[in-house]
Every structure is written in C-alpha cells, then in structure tokens.
Amino acid sequence: MGAMEKKNQEIGDLALTGDQWRRAKTQIAYYLDQVLGGEAWAQTGAEAADVITEILRQEAKS
C-alpha cells in the first residue's frame, strides 16, 4: 500500500458521526485538563497526539 493510500485509510478509520465527535471532544478536553493540571503526563506533543488519536479511534469503533 502506498503512503497516500495508507494515509487515506487512517483518515477513514477516524471518521466520526456528530455524536461520536461530541463524545470524543469531551474526552479530549478532559485528557488535556488532566495534562495541564499535572494529573496526566505527556512528555512530548507527540505523546499527547497519540493519546488523542487513540481516543478518536476508540470512539470511531463505538
């Protein structure tokens, strides 16, 4: 699979309905509040992005 096809597949895997997006936004906001409050930890922006991407993936599966 080419790089562009893989990227398109990843985008398709993260497609969300309106309700899924609202739930994901709530979870992401909660996670970021935890990071900013020192309750959760992300060493880099990439680690935070990985957590956010996983939240989106899990919500897309629901």
N, C-alpha and C. Protein backbone atom coordinates (compact mmCIF):
# COMPACT_ATOMS: atom_id res chain seq x y z
N MET A 1 0.85 -1.17 0.00
CA MET A 1 0.00 0.00 0.00
C MET A 1 0.90 1.23 0.00
N GLY A 2 0.58 2.17 -0.86
CA GLY A 2 1.36 3.39 -0.94
C GLY A 2 1.09 4.30 0.24
N ALA A 3 1.96 5.29 0.39
CA ALA A 3 1.85 6.21 1.52
C ALA A 3 0.51 6.95 1.50
N MET A 4 0.09 7.38 0.31
CA MET A 4 -1.17 8.14 0.20
C MET A 4 -2.36 7.24 0.53
N GLU A 5 -2.34 5.99 0.06
CA GLU A 5 -3.42 5.06 0.36
C GLU A 5 -3.50 4.78 1.86
N LYS A 6 -2.33 4.63 2.49
CA LYS A 6 -2.30 4.38 3.92
C LYS A 6 -2.87 5.57 4.68
N LYS A 7 -2.49 6.78 4.28
CA LYS A 7 -3.00 7.99 4.93
C LYS A 7 -4.51 8.09 4.77
N ASN A 8 -5.02 7.80 3.57
CA ASN A 8 -6.46 7.84 3.34
C ASN A 8 -7.19 6.81 4.19
N GLN A 9 -6.60 5.63 4.36
CA GLN A 9 -7.19 4.59 5.21
C GLN A 9 -7.24 5.06 6.65
N GLU A 10 -6.16 5.68 7.13
CA GLU A 10 -6.14 6.18 8.50
C GLU A 10 -7.22 7.23 8.71
N ILE A 11 -7.39 8.11 7.75
CA ILE A 11 -8.41 9.14 7.84
C ILE A 11 -9.80 8.49 7.88
N GLY A 12 -10.03 7.50 7.03
CA GLY A 12 -11.30 6.80 7.02
C GLY A 12 -11.57 6.09 8.33
N ASP A 13 -10.54 5.56 8.95
CA ASP A 13 -10.69 4.86 10.22
C ASP A 13 -11.12 5.81 11.34
N LEU A 14 -10.86 7.09 11.18
CA LEU A 14 -11.18 8.07 12.21
C LEU A 14 -12.44 8.87 11.91
N ALA A 15 -13.20 8.46 10.89
CA ALA A 15 -14.44 9.17 10.55
C ALA A 15 -15.44 8.99 11.69
N LEU A 16 -16.02 10.10 12.14
CA LEU A 16 -16.93 10.07 13.28
C LEU A 16 -18.27 10.69 12.92
N THR A 17 -19.32 10.18 13.56
CA THR A 17 -20.63 10.82 13.45
C THR A 17 -20.63 12.04 14.38
N GLY A 18 -21.68 12.83 14.30
CA GLY A 18 -21.78 14.00 15.17
C GLY A 18 -21.73 13.64 16.65
N ASP A 19 -22.48 12.60 17.04
CA ASP A 19 -22.48 12.18 18.44
C ASP A 19 -21.12 11.65 18.87
N GLN A 20 -20.48 10.87 18.01
CA GLN A 20 -19.16 10.35 18.34
C GLN A 20 -18.17 11.50 18.51
N TRP A 21 -18.26 12.49 17.64
CA TRP A 21 -17.34 13.63 17.71
C TRP A 21 -17.56 14.40 19.01
N ARG A 22 -18.81 14.59 19.41
CA ARG A 22 -19.10 15.30 20.66
C ARG A 22 -18.52 14.54 21.86
N ARG A 23 -18.69 13.22 21.87
CA ARG A 23 -18.12 12.43 22.97
C ARG A 23 -16.60 12.49 22.95
N ALA A 24 -16.01 12.40 21.77
CA ALA A 24 -14.55 12.45 21.65
C ALA A 24 -14.02 13.81 22.12
N LYS A 25 -14.69 14.88 21.75
CA LYS A 25 -14.25 16.22 22.19
C LYS A 25 -14.27 16.32 23.71
N THR A 26 -15.29 15.75 24.33
CA THR A 26 -15.38 15.77 25.79
C THR A 26 -14.21 14.99 26.40
N GLN A 27 -13.92 13.81 25.86
CA GLN A 27 -12.82 13.00 26.37
C GLN A 27 -11.47 13.69 26.16
N ILE A 28 -11.29 14.30 25.00
CA ILE A 28 -10.03 15.00 24.70
C ILE A 28 -9.87 16.19 25.64
N ALA A 29 -10.93 16.96 25.84
CA ALA A 29 -10.86 18.11 26.75
C ALA A 29 -10.51 17.64 28.16
N TYR A 30 -11.11 16.55 28.60
CA TYR A 30 -10.83 16.00 29.92
C TYR A 30 -9.36 15.59 30.02
N TYR A 31 -8.85 14.91 29.01
CA TYR A 31 -7.44 14.49 28.99
C TYR A 31 -6.52 15.71 29.06
N LEU A 32 -6.79 16.72 28.23
CA LEU A 32 -5.93 17.91 28.22
C LEU A 32 -6.00 18.65 29.55
N ASP A 33 -7.16 18.69 30.18
CA ASP A 33 -7.27 19.28 31.51
C ASP A 33 -6.40 18.52 32.51
N GLN A 34 -6.40 17.20 32.40
CA GLN A 34 -5.56 16.38 33.29
C GLN A 34 -4.08 16.67 33.05
N VAL A 35 -3.67 16.79 31.80
CA VAL A 35 -2.27 17.08 31.49
C VAL A 35 -1.89 18.45 32.07
N LEU A 36 -2.72 19.44 31.81
CA LEU A 36 -2.42 20.79 32.28
C LEU A 36 -2.45 20.87 33.80
N GLY A 37 -3.27 20.06 34.43
CA GLY A 37 -3.36 20.04 35.88
C GLY A 37 -2.33 19.15 36.55
N GLY A 38 -1.50 18.47 35.76
CA GLY A 38 -0.46 17.61 36.30
C GLY A 38 -0.95 16.23 36.71
N GLU A 39 -2.21 15.91 36.43
CA GLU A 39 -2.76 14.61 36.80
C GLU A 39 -2.41 13.53 35.77
N ALA A 40 -2.26 13.94 34.52
CA ALA A 40 -1.83 13.02 33.45
C ALA A 40 -0.52 13.58 32.92
N TRP A 41 0.22 12.75 32.24
CA TRP A 41 1.55 13.16 31.83
C TRP A 41 1.76 12.88 30.36
N ALA A 42 2.33 13.83 29.66
CA ALA A 42 2.73 13.66 28.27
C ALA A 42 4.09 14.32 28.13
N GLN A 43 5.10 13.52 27.84
CA GLN A 43 6.46 14.05 27.75
C GLN A 43 6.61 14.96 26.54
N THR A 44 5.93 14.62 25.46
CA THR A 44 6.04 15.40 24.25
C THR A 44 4.66 15.63 23.65
N GLY A 45 4.61 16.57 22.71
CA GLY A 45 3.37 16.78 21.99
C GLY A 45 2.97 15.54 21.21
N ALA A 46 3.95 14.79 20.75
CA ALA A 46 3.67 13.56 20.00
C ALA A 46 2.96 12.54 20.88
N GLU A 47 3.37 12.44 22.14
CA GLU A 47 2.70 11.51 23.05
C GLU A 47 1.25 11.94 23.29
N ALA A 48 1.04 13.22 23.46
CA ALA A 48 -0.33 13.72 23.64
C ALA A 48 -1.15 13.45 22.39
N ALA A 49 -0.55 13.65 21.23
CA ALA A 49 -1.24 13.38 19.96
C ALA A 49 -1.60 11.91 19.85
N ASP A 50 -0.72 11.03 20.31
CA ASP A 50 -1.02 9.59 20.28
C ASP A 50 -2.23 9.27 21.16
N VAL A 51 -2.30 9.87 22.33
CA VAL A 51 -3.44 9.64 23.22
C VAL A 51 -4.72 10.15 22.57
N ILE A 52 -4.67 11.34 22.00
CA ILE A 52 -5.84 11.92 21.36
C ILE A 52 -6.28 11.07 20.16
N THR A 53 -5.31 10.60 19.38
CA THR A 53 -5.64 9.73 18.25
C THR A 53 -6.31 8.45 18.72
N GLU A 54 -5.82 7.90 19.81
CA GLU A 54 -6.42 6.67 20.35
C GLU A 54 -7.84 6.94 20.84
N ILE A 55 -8.08 8.09 21.46
CA ILE A 55 -9.44 8.45 21.87
C ILE A 55 -10.34 8.47 20.63
N LEU A 56 -9.88 9.08 19.55
CA LEU A 56 -10.67 9.15 18.33
C LEU A 56 -10.93 7.76 17.74
N ARG A 57 -9.89 6.91 17.74
CA ARG A 57 -10.06 5.54 17.20
C ARG A 57 -11.09 4.78 18.00
N GLN A 58 -11.00 4.86 19.34
CA GLN A 58 -11.95 4.12 20.17
C GLN A 58 -13.37 4.63 19.98
N GLU A 59 -13.51 5.93 19.84
CA GLU A 59 -14.84 6.49 19.63
C GLU A 59 -15.38 6.09 18.25
N ALA A 60 -14.52 6.03 17.25
CA ALA A 60 -14.96 5.63 15.90
C ALA A 60 -15.43 4.18 15.88
N LYS A 61 -14.89 3.36 16.76
CA LYS A 61 -15.29 1.95 16.84
C LYS A 61 -16.62 1.77 17.57
N SER A 62 -17.01 2.77 18.36
CA SER A 62 -18.22 2.60 19.18
C SER A 62 -19.48 2.83 18.39
